[in-house]
Amino acid sequence: MTTATARFRDRERHHDSMRPLVYVIMPVGSDPDGPRRRRRIAAAARALGLRTYFPLDHRPHDAAFDAATIRFEMQRAVVALADLSLQRPSCYYELGVAHGVGLATVLVAVSGTPIHQTADRDSVSFYDSLDELGKIVEDRLRRYAYAPAG
């Protein structure tokens, strides 16, 4: 690798680490559409210059739940995106932690999903397709978009 290539890669890594982080809360193992939903969310965030953080990418799915770690991870983000589809208790718990640390939230769910106890339940955006999910996510995350200086 040339010195110029190494400098370019270092700049790219630094640039990437400067992009705002979206902490994503969503059903994982219980959702057969999870991988497609995840790709759509990540693509919409990336289109705005945002990074996504999927917690289970950073620890085993069956690892013990550590509230301190989750709080730390969330405090690095500018917003939490919570997909409340499938009514998963763990998603509601993480959403509560996000509220507790003062993190802004964006709430989405598949149309027809009953929404249980949560702050801002009237702000949930419902979607009928993955295309619609992508549009909603992009629209709701636009205020957190990253535009590099210069």
Foldseek 3Di string as FASTA:
>chain_A
DDPVVVVVVVVVVVLLLPAAEEEEQEDDPVDPCRVVLVVLLQVLQVVLRYHYDDPCVPDPPPDDDDLVVLLVVLVSHQEYEQECEPVDPVSVVSLVSCVVSVHHYQAEYAPPGDDDDDPPPVRYHHDPDSVRVSVSSNVVCNVSGDDDDD
